[in-house]
Protein backbone atom coordinates (compact mmCIF):
# COMPACT_ATOMS: atom_id res chain seq x y z
CA MET A 1 62.33 118.11 106.58
CA LYS A 2 59.47 115.67 105.49
CA LYS A 3 61.39 114.22 102.75
CA LYS A 4 64.18 113.29 105.39
CA ALA A 5 61.59 111.84 107.80
CA ARG A 6 60.11 109.50 104.98
CA MET A 7 63.51 108.36 103.99
CA LEU A 8 64.26 107.63 107.71
CA ARG A 9 60.89 105.67 108.28
CA SER A 10 61.52 103.69 104.86
CA HIS A 11 64.97 102.57 106.26
CA TYR A 12 63.91 101.93 109.85
CA ASP A 13 64.70 98.42 109.90
CA LEU A 14 68.30 98.89 108.65
CA LEU A 15 69.33 101.70 110.71
CA PRO A 16 70.13 99.49 113.99
CA ASN A 17 72.53 97.55 111.72
CA TRP A 18 74.55 100.82 110.98
CA PHE A 19 74.81 101.78 114.73
CA LYS A 20 75.39 98.10 115.53
CA ALA A 21 78.51 97.82 113.15
CA CYS A 22 79.97 101.18 114.44
CA LYS A 23 81.91 101.85 111.39
CA GLU A 24 83.90 98.69 111.75
CA TYR A 25 83.44 97.47 108.14
CA ASN A 26 84.30 99.49 104.91
CA ASN A 27 84.82 98.35 101.53
CA GLY A 28 88.23 100.16 100.85
CA ILE A 29 89.88 96.82 100.51
CA THR A 30 87.43 95.73 97.98
CA GLU A 31 87.66 98.96 96.06
CA GLY A 32 91.60 98.83 96.15
CA LEU A 33 91.61 95.17 94.76
CA ASN A 34 89.16 96.34 92.11
CA ASN A 35 91.25 99.09 91.26
CA LYS A 36 94.38 97.13 90.70
CA SER A 37 92.53 94.39 88.79
CA GLN A 38 91.11 97.11 86.45
CA THR A 39 94.50 98.84 85.80
CA ARG A 40 96.10 95.41 85.07
CA ILE A 41 93.13 94.54 82.64
CA LYS A 42 93.66 97.81 80.73
CA LEU A 43 97.40 97.34 80.70
CA ALA A 44 96.88 93.74 79.31
CA TYR A 45 95.03 94.91 76.46
CA GLY A 46 96.35 92.89 73.43
CA TYR A 47 96.81 89.52 75.28
CA ARG A 48 95.78 86.59 72.98
CA THR A 49 94.31 84.39 75.81
CA THR A 50 92.37 84.85 78.98
CA LYS A 51 94.97 82.43 80.69
CA THR A 52 97.69 85.08 80.05
CA LEU A 53 95.31 87.82 81.76
CA MET A 54 94.73 85.73 84.59
CA LEU A 55 98.31 84.76 85.17
CA THR A 56 99.07 88.63 85.26
CA LEU A 57 96.23 89.42 87.56
CA PHE A 58 97.55 86.68 89.92
CA HIS A 59 100.90 88.28 89.77
CA GLN A 60 99.50 91.55 90.43
CA LEU A 61 97.07 90.93 93.29
CA GLY A 62 99.21 88.36 95.04
CA ASN A 63 102.30 90.81 94.77
CA LEU A 64 104.31 87.84 93.22
CA SER A 65 107.67 88.21 91.54
CA ARG A 66 108.06 88.12 87.87
CA PRO A 67 108.66 85.07 86.17
CA GLU A 68 111.92 84.22 84.14
CA LEU A 69 111.50 84.71 80.72
CA SER A 70 112.42 81.69 78.30
CA HIS A 71 113.94 84.31 75.89
CA ARG A 72 115.55 87.84 76.03
CA PHE A 73 115.03 90.91 74.44
CA VAL A 74 117.62 92.87 72.77
């Protein structure tokens, strides 16, 4: 109990901010974008340039369509 009281006293200045926000803000969107980008980076292992990696990240996070390839794979 004393440990909890000390913790509350040490964070006394920040407690009103939590009640004022009323859980209006959360970091779910940020965590989701971070998860998508980390997944894309893992899948992009082996790209030779950072430009290619950035292009794939922009397409993934922007939900863009895939560009047409200049050659076909058989």
